[in-house]
Amino acid sequence: MTATSRTITIETLNGTGRFDTYVAQPAGTPRAAIVVIQEIFGVNAGIRNKCDRLAADGYLALAPDLFWQIAPGVELDPDVPDQMQRALSLMGEFDQDAGIRDIEATIRTARSMLNDVHQGDGLTSKVGVVGYCLGGRLAFMTAARTDVDASVGYYGVGIDGLLGEAHAIAHPVLLHIPQEDHFVDKDAQARMHAGLDDHAKVTLFDYPGEDHGFATEFGQRRSDESAQLADQRTASFFAAHLG
């Protein structure tokens, strides 16, 4: 058997709406679940591929359409200038606090799906999140605002402005920081290290010479060697903290 994929619909926490979520199901019993948090380009082929790879590693992977209220189903390519501009515009329209609530709803759905599979087999139903770009920022916010079991953020933007929430982080967090990120300057990176290096639950890895988006699945931004290193670190982190 091989991993399978489908789209499901999840109800918002307040019950006033529903959003589509891409789900990749492993062939056997899931070892845990991971919510994949999109970039500003929507749940595009790259994000779906991230889910498929996690499913191949034995995880139930879910990618919610966080832009469902402003551009449902949007899929953009960062290598196409017009689409990049639209993505930046959507970022400006996006309600990040509402996005965290939708991520929490997805976490709850993932736990329910795991519970249905496990059915008293004694396995815990752990859920992690991994996010990229905007999703990297949201992964940090999710770690601070929900009971998610483990969180990974790749090149999250503006995390230095969220350090006041770090005290609320109770479960492990891993952040990947490209040192030449043109969205996160060296001063912002220094503030992240100053605010988080001593945090018992947070680990930061720097990537010299790398820019924003270096671990994307496809396209011009990918830097393969560093992407593979970061993904190996992520895999080890989730194996240690989710199973």
Protein backbone atom coordinates (compact mmCIF):
# COMPACT_ATOMS: atom_id res chain seq x y z
CA MET A 1 0.00 0.00 0.00
CA THR A 2 1.08 3.56 -0.68
CA ALA A 3 0.12 6.87 0.88
CA THR A 4 -3.16 8.35 -0.31
CA SER A 5 -4.46 11.91 -0.42
CA ARG A 6 -7.82 13.64 -0.36
CA THR A 7 -9.44 16.94 0.55
CA ILE A 8 -11.65 17.22 3.61
CA THR A 9 -13.65 20.12 5.04
CA ILE A 10 -13.09 21.34 8.61
CA GLU A 11 -15.49 23.48 10.61
CA THR A 12 -14.14 26.64 12.26
CA LEU A 13 -13.89 26.73 16.05
CA ASN A 14 -16.90 29.06 16.32
CA GLY A 15 -18.95 27.03 13.85
CA THR A 16 -19.54 29.91 11.44
CA GLY A 17 -17.58 28.59 8.47
CA ARG A 18 -15.76 25.68 6.88
CA PHE A 19 -12.45 25.42 5.05
CA ASP A 20 -10.85 22.85 2.79
CA THR A 21 -7.85 20.88 4.02
CA TYR A 22 -5.51 18.69 2.00
CA VAL A 23 -4.87 15.38 3.78
CA ALA A 24 -2.11 12.88 3.02
CA GLN A 25 -2.66 9.53 4.74
CA PRO A 26 0.18 7.06 5.31
CA ALA A 27 -0.20 3.46 4.19
CA GLY A 28 -0.14 2.07 7.73
CA THR A 29 -1.18 3.34 11.15
CA PRO A 30 0.04 6.94 11.52
CA ARG A 31 2.87 7.45 13.97
CA ALA A 32 1.46 10.94 14.70
CA ALA A 33 -0.05 13.87 12.77
CA ILE A 34 1.57 17.02 11.40
CA VAL A 35 -0.26 20.14 10.26
CA VAL A 36 1.60 21.76 7.36
CA ILE A 37 1.17 25.54 7.39
CA GLN A 38 1.25 27.23 4.01
CA GLU A 39 3.39 30.03 2.67
CA ILE A 40 1.70 33.12 1.23
CA PHE A 41 1.19 31.13 -1.97
CA GLY A 42 -1.68 28.98 -0.70
CA VAL A 43 -1.90 25.21 -0.54
CA ASN A 44 0.00 24.83 -3.80
CA ALA A 45 1.87 21.88 -5.28
CA GLY A 46 4.87 22.48 -3.01
CA ILE A 47 2.81 22.37 0.18
CA ARG A 48 0.94 19.29 -1.00
CA ASN A 49 4.28 17.65 -1.75
CA LYS A 50 5.45 18.44 1.79
CA CYS A 51 2.34 16.60 3.05
CA ASP A 52 2.93 13.66 0.74
CA ARG A 53 6.53 13.31 1.94
CA LEU A 54 5.42 13.35 5.57
CA ALA A 55 2.83 10.67 4.81
CA ALA A 56 5.54 8.56 3.19
CA ASP A 57 7.43 8.88 6.50
CA GLY A 58 4.39 7.56 8.37
CA TYR A 59 2.67 10.76 9.48
CA LEU A 60 -0.89 11.86 8.88
CA ALA A 61 -0.37 15.26 7.23
CA LEU A 62 -2.95 18.02 6.91
CA ALA A 63 -2.61 21.38 5.12
CA PRO A 64 -5.52 23.76 5.80
CA ASP A 65 -6.45 26.46 3.28
CA LEU A 66 -5.81 29.44 5.56
CA PHE A 67 -6.73 31.96 2.85
CA TRP A 68 -10.24 30.53 2.52
CA GLN A 69 -11.91 33.78 3.59
CA ILE A 70 -10.02 36.02 1.14
CA ALA A 71 -9.01 33.75 -1.79
CA PRO A 72 -10.32 30.19 -1.32
CA GLY A 73 -8.33 27.56 -3.16
CA VAL A 74 -5.66 29.98 -4.38
CA GLU A 75 -2.42 28.41 -5.64
CA LEU A 76 0.41 30.74 -6.59
CA ASP A 77 3.93 30.34 -7.97
CA PRO A 78 6.60 32.54 -6.34
CA ASP A 79 8.72 32.39 -9.49
CA VAL A 80 6.03 34.25 -11.48
CA PRO A 81 6.27 37.99 -10.69
CA ASP A 82 2.55 38.74 -10.96
CA GLN A 83 1.71 35.81 -8.72
CA MET A 84 4.35 36.86 -6.19
CA GLN A 85 2.76 40.32 -6.05
CA ARG A 86 -0.66 38.81 -5.53
CA ALA A 87 0.73 36.64 -2.72
CA LEU A 88 2.17 39.71 -0.99
CA SER A 89 -1.21 41.42 -1.34
CA LEU A 90 -2.99 38.45 0.20
CA MET A 91 -0.52 38.50 3.07
CA GLY A 92 -1.64 42.05 3.80
CA GLU A 93 -5.31 41.03 3.83
CA PHE A 94 -4.85 37.90 5.93
CA ASP A 95 -6.07 37.86 9.55
CA GLN A 96 -3.30 35.98 11.36
CA ASP A 97 -5.24 35.57 14.60
CA ALA A 98 -8.07 33.95 12.64
CA GLY A 99 -5.47 31.78 10.94
CA ILE A 100 -4.27 30.48 14.31
CA ARG A 101 -7.85 29.57 15.20
CA ASP A 102 -8.14 27.63 11.94
CA ILE A 103 -4.85 25.88 12.67
CA GLU A 104 -6.19 24.96 16.11
CA ALA A 105 -9.33 23.56 14.51
CA THR A 106 -7.08 21.49 12.22
CA ILE A 107 -5.04 20.26 15.19
CA ARG A 108 -8.25 19.13 16.89
CA THR A 109 -9.40 17.38 13.72
CA ALA A 110 -6.03 15.64 13.41
CA ARG A 111 -6.23 14.40 17.00
CA SER A 112 -9.74 13.11 16.38
CA MET A 113 -8.60 11.29 13.24
CA LEU A 114 -5.72 9.71 15.16
CA ASN A 115 -8.02 8.67 18.00
CA ASP A 116 -10.31 6.98 15.49
CA VAL A 117 -7.38 5.01 14.12
CA HIS A 118 -5.85 4.09 17.45
CA GLN A 119 -9.11 3.11 19.21
CA GLY A 120 -7.65 2.21 22.56
CA ASP A 121 -4.38 0.71 21.30
CA GLY A 122 -2.49 2.72 23.91
CA LEU A 123 -0.78 5.00 21.40
CA THR A 124 -0.85 8.72 22.09
CA SER A 125 -2.38 11.02 19.50
CA LYS A 126 0.36 13.62 19.18
CA VAL A 127 0.15 16.47 16.68
CA GLY A 128 2.90 18.77 15.43
CA VAL A 129 2.98 21.70 13.06
CA VAL A 130 5.51 22.73 10.44
CA GLY A 131 5.27 26.03 8.62
CA TYR A 132 7.11 27.94 5.92
CA CYS A 133 7.46 31.72 5.43
CA LEU A 134 4.14 33.07 6.75
CA GLY A 135 3.65 29.52 8.02
CA GLY A 136 6.92 29.72 9.94
CA ARG A 137 5.61 32.73 11.81
CA LEU A 138 2.27 31.02 12.39
CA ALA A 139 4.04 27.90 13.66
CA PHE A 140 5.68 30.03 16.38
CA MET A 141 2.34 31.62 17.24
CA THR A 142 0.72 28.17 17.33
CA ALA A 143 3.38 26.97 19.78
CA ALA A 144 2.60 29.90 22.07
CA ARG A 145 -1.19 29.87 21.77
CA THR A 146 -2.24 26.21 21.49
CA ASP A 147 -1.45 22.84 23.04
CA VAL A 148 0.32 21.52 19.92
CA ASP A 149 2.96 18.95 20.84
CA ALA A 150 5.86 20.18 18.68
CA SER A 151 6.40 23.03 16.21
CA VAL A 152 8.86 23.73 13.39
CA GLY A 153 9.20 27.04 11.57
CA TYR A 154 11.19 27.63 8.39
CA TYR A 155 12.22 31.25 7.71
CA GLY A 156 9.40 32.74 9.75
CA VAL A 157 8.99 36.49 9.25
CA GLY A 158 8.60 38.89 12.15
CA ILE A 159 9.20 36.39 14.94
CA ASP A 160 11.37 38.98 16.67
CA GLY A 161 8.16 40.95 17.19
CA LEU A 162 6.49 37.98 18.88
CA LEU A 163 9.10 37.34 21.57
CA GLY A 164 6.70 38.57 24.23
CA GLU A 165 4.74 35.35 23.68
CA ALA A 166 7.73 33.06 24.16
CA HIS A 167 6.96 32.53 27.85
CA ALA A 168 3.79 30.67 26.82
CA ILE A 169 5.67 28.03 24.80
CA ALA A 170 5.36 24.75 26.70
CA HIS A 171 6.35 22.22 24.02
CA PRO A 172 9.43 21.91 21.79
CA VAL A 173 10.01 24.40 18.97
CA LEU A 174 12.59 24.28 16.17
CA LEU A 175 13.32 27.32 13.99
CA HIS A 176 15.35 27.35 10.76
CA ILE A 177 16.94 30.77 10.07
CA PRO A 178 18.63 31.58 6.72
CA GLN A 179 21.21 34.25 7.49
CA GLU A 180 20.74 36.13 4.21
CA ASP A 181 16.93 36.24 4.45
CA HIS A 182 15.89 39.41 2.61
CA PHE A 183 12.66 39.50 4.67
CA VAL A 184 14.42 39.07 8.05
CA ASP A 185 17.50 41.27 8.45
CA LYS A 186 20.52 40.57 10.64
CA ASP A 187 19.23 42.78 13.46
CA ALA A 188 15.96 40.82 13.56
CA GLN A 189 17.91 37.56 13.59
CA ALA A 190 20.03 38.85 16.47
CA ARG A 191 16.88 39.71 18.42
CA MET A 192 15.54 36.21 17.82
CA HIS A 193 18.72 34.68 19.20
CA ALA A 194 18.82 37.05 22.17
CA GLY A 195 15.21 36.30 23.04
CA LEU A 196 15.18 32.56 22.40
CA ASP A 197 18.65 31.02 22.77
CA ASP A 198 18.13 30.50 26.51
CA HIS A 199 14.56 29.19 26.16
CA ALA A 200 14.44 25.60 27.37
CA LYS A 201 11.97 24.54 24.68
CA VAL A 202 13.33 26.39 21.63
CA THR A 203 16.17 25.41 19.26
CA LEU A 204 17.44 27.70 16.50
CA PHE A 205 19.56 26.65 13.52
CA ASP A 206 21.27 29.21 11.28
CA TYR A 207 22.01 28.64 7.60
CA PRO A 208 24.91 30.81 6.37
CA GLY A 209 24.54 32.17 2.86
CA GLU A 210 20.93 31.04 2.50
CA ASP A 211 17.95 33.24 1.63
CA HIS A 212 14.25 33.07 2.31
CA GLY A 213 12.53 30.03 0.82
CA PHE A 214 15.64 27.86 0.61
CA ALA A 215 13.73 24.70 1.58
CA THR A 216 10.88 25.05 -0.89
CA GLU A 217 10.04 21.84 -2.76
CA PHE A 218 10.24 23.37 -6.23
CA GLY A 219 11.46 26.44 -8.04
CA GLN A 220 14.28 28.94 -8.11
CA ARG A 221 14.43 29.59 -4.37
CA ARG A 222 15.45 26.05 -3.38
CA SER A 223 18.99 25.46 -2.14
CA ASP A 224 19.18 21.69 -2.15
CA GLU A 225 22.02 20.95 0.26
CA SER A 226 20.72 23.25 2.99
CA ALA A 227 17.12 22.15 2.35
CA GLN A 228 18.10 18.53 2.89
CA LEU A 229 20.00 19.41 6.07
CA ALA A 230 17.05 21.37 7.47
CA ASP A 231 14.60 18.62 6.56
CA GLN A 232 16.81 16.01 8.22
CA ARG A 233 16.87 18.11 11.39
CA THR A 234 13.09 18.47 11.20
CA ALA A 235 12.63 14.72 10.76
CA SER A 236 14.81 13.99 13.79
CA PHE A 237 12.97 16.61 15.83
CA PHE A 238 9.55 15.16 15.03
CA ALA A 239 10.77 11.59 15.61
CA ALA A 240 11.97 12.64 19.07
CA HIS A 241 8.90 14.61 20.09
CA LEU A 242 6.00 13.03 18.21
CA GLY A 243 7.15 9.46 17.61
